[in-house]
N, C-alpha and C. Protein backbone atom coordinates (compact mmCIF):
# COMPACT_ATOMS: atom_id res chain seq x y z
N MET A 1 16.44 7.34 -6.31
CA MET A 1 15.04 7.40 -6.67
C MET A 1 14.38 6.06 -6.34
N TYR A 2 13.18 6.10 -5.91
CA TYR A 2 12.42 4.92 -5.52
C TYR A 2 11.61 4.39 -6.70
N PRO A 3 11.30 3.10 -6.71
CA PRO A 3 10.46 2.54 -7.78
C PRO A 3 9.01 2.99 -7.64
N SER A 4 8.32 3.08 -8.75
CA SER A 4 6.90 3.45 -8.76
C SER A 4 6.03 2.23 -8.52
N VAL A 5 4.90 2.44 -7.88
CA VAL A 5 3.92 1.38 -7.69
C VAL A 5 3.17 1.18 -9.00
N LYS A 6 3.08 -0.07 -9.44
CA LYS A 6 2.36 -0.39 -10.67
C LYS A 6 1.07 -1.14 -10.41
N LYS A 7 1.01 -1.86 -9.28
CA LYS A 7 -0.19 -2.66 -8.97
C LYS A 7 -0.28 -2.79 -7.45
N VAL A 8 -1.52 -2.77 -6.94
CA VAL A 8 -1.74 -2.98 -5.52
C VAL A 8 -2.96 -3.85 -5.34
N VAL A 9 -2.85 -4.84 -4.45
CA VAL A 9 -3.95 -5.76 -4.16
C VAL A 9 -4.14 -5.80 -2.64
N PRO A 10 -5.36 -5.48 -2.17
CA PRO A 10 -5.61 -5.56 -0.73
C PRO A 10 -5.79 -7.01 -0.30
N ASN A 11 -5.26 -7.35 0.85
CA ASN A 11 -5.41 -8.69 1.42
C ASN A 11 -6.31 -8.62 2.65
N GLU A 12 -6.98 -9.70 2.95
CA GLU A 12 -7.94 -9.72 4.06
C GLU A 12 -7.31 -9.44 5.41
N ASP A 13 -6.01 -9.64 5.55
CA ASP A 13 -5.33 -9.39 6.82
C ASP A 13 -4.82 -7.95 6.94
N GLN A 14 -5.36 -7.07 6.11
CA GLN A 14 -5.01 -5.65 6.08
C GLN A 14 -3.54 -5.42 5.77
N THR A 15 -3.06 -6.23 4.86
CA THR A 15 -1.77 -5.98 4.21
C THR A 15 -2.07 -5.71 2.74
N LEU A 16 -1.09 -5.18 2.05
CA LEU A 16 -1.21 -4.93 0.62
C LEU A 16 -0.11 -5.68 -0.10
N THR A 17 -0.44 -6.30 -1.21
CA THR A 17 0.57 -6.85 -2.10
C THR A 17 0.83 -5.79 -3.15
N VAL A 18 2.08 -5.34 -3.22
CA VAL A 18 2.45 -4.21 -4.07
C VAL A 18 3.47 -4.67 -5.11
N THR A 19 3.21 -4.32 -6.37
CA THR A 19 4.15 -4.59 -7.45
C THR A 19 4.74 -3.26 -7.92
N PHE A 20 6.06 -3.24 -8.04
CA PHE A 20 6.78 -2.02 -8.43
C PHE A 20 7.27 -2.12 -9.87
N ASP A 21 7.58 -0.96 -10.45
CA ASP A 21 8.01 -0.94 -11.86
C ASP A 21 9.41 -1.51 -12.07
N ASN A 22 10.13 -1.81 -11.01
CA ASN A 22 11.45 -2.44 -11.15
C ASN A 22 11.36 -3.96 -11.11
N GLY A 23 10.12 -4.50 -11.07
CA GLY A 23 9.92 -5.95 -11.07
C GLY A 23 9.81 -6.57 -9.70
N GLU A 24 9.99 -5.80 -8.65
CA GLU A 24 9.87 -6.34 -7.30
C GLU A 24 8.41 -6.37 -6.87
N GLU A 25 8.10 -7.34 -6.01
CA GLU A 25 6.78 -7.44 -5.41
C GLU A 25 6.97 -7.58 -3.91
N GLY A 26 6.14 -6.87 -3.15
CA GLY A 26 6.30 -6.91 -1.70
C GLY A 26 4.98 -6.87 -0.97
N ILE A 27 5.07 -7.11 0.33
CA ILE A 27 3.92 -7.06 1.23
C ILE A 27 4.10 -5.84 2.14
N LEU A 28 3.09 -4.99 2.15
CA LEU A 28 3.09 -3.82 3.02
C LEU A 28 2.06 -4.04 4.11
N ASP A 29 2.52 -4.14 5.35
CA ASP A 29 1.64 -4.39 6.50
C ASP A 29 1.25 -3.05 7.11
N LEU A 30 -0.04 -2.69 6.97
CA LEU A 30 -0.51 -1.42 7.50
C LEU A 30 -1.18 -1.55 8.87
N LYS A 31 -1.31 -2.75 9.39
CA LYS A 31 -2.00 -2.94 10.67
C LYS A 31 -1.43 -2.06 11.79
N PRO A 32 -0.12 -1.87 11.91
CA PRO A 32 0.40 -1.03 13.00
C PRO A 32 -0.01 0.44 12.90
N HIS A 33 -0.48 0.88 11.75
CA HIS A 33 -0.80 2.29 11.53
C HIS A 33 -2.29 2.60 11.58
N LEU A 34 -3.15 1.59 11.57
CA LEU A 34 -4.58 1.79 11.37
C LEU A 34 -5.32 2.40 12.55
N ASP A 35 -4.69 2.53 13.69
CA ASP A 35 -5.33 3.15 14.86
C ASP A 35 -4.93 4.61 15.03
N PHE A 36 -4.23 5.17 14.06
CA PHE A 36 -3.69 6.52 14.21
C PHE A 36 -4.13 7.44 13.08
N GLY A 37 -4.45 8.68 13.44
CA GLY A 37 -4.71 9.75 12.49
C GLY A 37 -5.65 9.38 11.36
N VAL A 38 -5.28 9.79 10.15
CA VAL A 38 -6.13 9.56 8.98
C VAL A 38 -6.29 8.09 8.65
N PHE A 39 -5.39 7.27 9.15
CA PHE A 39 -5.46 5.84 8.84
C PHE A 39 -6.68 5.16 9.47
N ARG A 40 -7.28 5.82 10.45
CA ARG A 40 -8.53 5.29 11.02
C ARG A 40 -9.62 5.18 9.95
N LYS A 41 -9.55 6.04 8.93
CA LYS A 41 -10.53 6.01 7.84
C LYS A 41 -10.51 4.70 7.05
N ILE A 42 -9.38 3.99 7.09
CA ILE A 42 -9.27 2.74 6.34
C ILE A 42 -9.11 1.52 7.26
N SER A 43 -9.45 1.69 8.53
CA SER A 43 -9.25 0.60 9.49
C SER A 43 -10.25 -0.54 9.32
N ASP A 44 -11.44 -0.27 8.77
CA ASP A 44 -12.36 -1.38 8.50
C ASP A 44 -12.07 -1.91 7.10
N TYR A 45 -12.25 -3.22 6.92
CA TYR A 45 -11.83 -3.85 5.67
C TYR A 45 -12.60 -3.31 4.46
N ASP A 46 -13.86 -2.93 4.63
CA ASP A 46 -14.62 -2.42 3.50
C ASP A 46 -13.96 -1.17 2.92
N SER A 47 -13.47 -0.30 3.77
CA SER A 47 -12.74 0.89 3.31
C SER A 47 -11.34 0.53 2.82
N PHE A 48 -10.68 -0.35 3.54
CA PHE A 48 -9.31 -0.74 3.21
C PHE A 48 -9.20 -1.33 1.81
N ARG A 49 -10.19 -2.11 1.41
CA ARG A 49 -10.11 -2.80 0.12
C ARG A 49 -10.30 -1.87 -1.08
N ARG A 50 -10.67 -0.63 -0.84
CA ARG A 50 -10.89 0.34 -1.92
C ARG A 50 -9.61 1.09 -2.29
N VAL A 51 -8.51 0.39 -2.23
CA VAL A 51 -7.20 0.96 -2.53
C VAL A 51 -6.97 0.93 -4.05
N ARG A 52 -6.16 1.87 -4.53
CA ARG A 52 -5.83 1.92 -5.96
C ARG A 52 -4.47 2.57 -6.14
N VAL A 53 -3.91 2.39 -7.32
CA VAL A 53 -2.67 3.06 -7.68
C VAL A 53 -3.04 4.44 -8.22
N ALA A 54 -2.33 5.44 -7.75
CA ALA A 54 -2.50 6.81 -8.23
C ALA A 54 -1.12 7.39 -8.47
N PHE A 55 -0.87 7.79 -9.69
CA PHE A 55 0.44 8.29 -10.09
C PHE A 55 1.48 7.21 -9.79
N ASP A 56 2.37 7.42 -8.85
CA ASP A 56 3.39 6.41 -8.56
C ASP A 56 3.27 5.82 -7.17
N THR A 57 2.09 5.97 -6.56
CA THR A 57 1.91 5.50 -5.19
C THR A 57 0.51 4.91 -5.00
N ILE A 58 0.07 4.82 -3.75
CA ILE A 58 -1.18 4.18 -3.37
C ILE A 58 -2.11 5.20 -2.72
N GLU A 59 -3.41 5.11 -3.05
CA GLU A 59 -4.39 5.96 -2.38
C GLU A 59 -5.71 5.21 -2.22
N TRP A 60 -6.54 5.75 -1.34
CA TRP A 60 -7.88 5.22 -1.11
C TRP A 60 -8.90 6.26 -1.52
N ASP A 61 -10.12 5.83 -1.81
CA ASP A 61 -11.15 6.77 -2.27
C ASP A 61 -11.58 7.76 -1.18
N CYS A 62 -11.23 7.50 0.07
CA CYS A 62 -11.58 8.42 1.16
C CYS A 62 -10.55 9.54 1.33
N GLY A 63 -9.51 9.55 0.49
CA GLY A 63 -8.52 10.61 0.53
C GLY A 63 -7.20 10.25 1.19
N VAL A 64 -7.09 9.10 1.80
CA VAL A 64 -5.83 8.66 2.41
C VAL A 64 -4.87 8.25 1.30
N ASP A 65 -3.63 8.70 1.40
CA ASP A 65 -2.61 8.24 0.46
C ASP A 65 -1.30 8.04 1.21
N LEU A 66 -0.38 7.35 0.56
CA LEU A 66 0.91 7.03 1.17
C LEU A 66 2.04 7.63 0.37
N ASP A 67 3.05 8.09 1.05
CA ASP A 67 4.25 8.57 0.39
C ASP A 67 4.90 7.40 -0.34
N PRO A 68 5.28 7.55 -1.60
CA PRO A 68 5.86 6.43 -2.34
C PRO A 68 7.16 5.91 -1.74
N GLU A 69 7.94 6.78 -1.11
CA GLU A 69 9.16 6.33 -0.46
C GLU A 69 8.83 5.45 0.74
N PHE A 70 7.78 5.80 1.49
CA PHE A 70 7.31 4.98 2.62
C PHE A 70 6.88 3.61 2.14
N VAL A 71 6.11 3.58 1.06
CA VAL A 71 5.60 2.31 0.52
C VAL A 71 6.77 1.38 0.22
N TYR A 72 7.76 1.87 -0.50
CA TYR A 72 8.88 1.02 -0.89
C TYR A 72 9.73 0.63 0.32
N ALA A 73 9.99 1.58 1.19
CA ALA A 73 10.84 1.30 2.36
C ALA A 73 10.22 0.30 3.31
N LYS A 74 8.90 0.32 3.45
CA LYS A 74 8.22 -0.54 4.41
C LYS A 74 7.78 -1.88 3.83
N CYS A 75 7.88 -2.05 2.52
CA CYS A 75 7.48 -3.32 1.91
C CYS A 75 8.50 -4.42 2.22
N ARG A 76 7.98 -5.57 2.56
CA ARG A 76 8.83 -6.77 2.69
C ARG A 76 8.83 -7.42 1.32
N ILE A 77 9.96 -7.35 0.62
CA ILE A 77 10.04 -7.86 -0.74
C ILE A 77 9.92 -9.38 -0.73
N ILE A 78 9.01 -9.90 -1.55
CA ILE A 78 8.78 -11.35 -1.62
C ILE A 78 9.16 -11.95 -2.96
N ALA A 79 9.34 -11.11 -3.98
CA ALA A 79 9.71 -11.62 -5.31
C ALA A 79 10.43 -10.54 -6.09
N ARG A 80 11.38 -11.00 -6.92
CA ARG A 80 12.10 -10.12 -7.84
C ARG A 80 12.14 -10.81 -9.19
N THR A 81 11.90 -10.03 -10.23
CA THR A 81 11.99 -10.62 -11.57
C THR A 81 13.15 -10.04 -12.33
């Protein structure tokens, strides 16, 4: 089972700082995905910064969401408590 997202903070470089319920914190770089499919909806920073935690993962107010397993697998862990 994967950890749940507890906090998400958008960064100006179109990465997200993500905190998980297991105490880990990581950086999720979405830049490689922003030119494809539904991710185009969040390619401008004004849309990108409207990210929030929903249930155990991440979503945007425009309807884009991420699979929680993807979020954890793609995060570069930067801290563990």
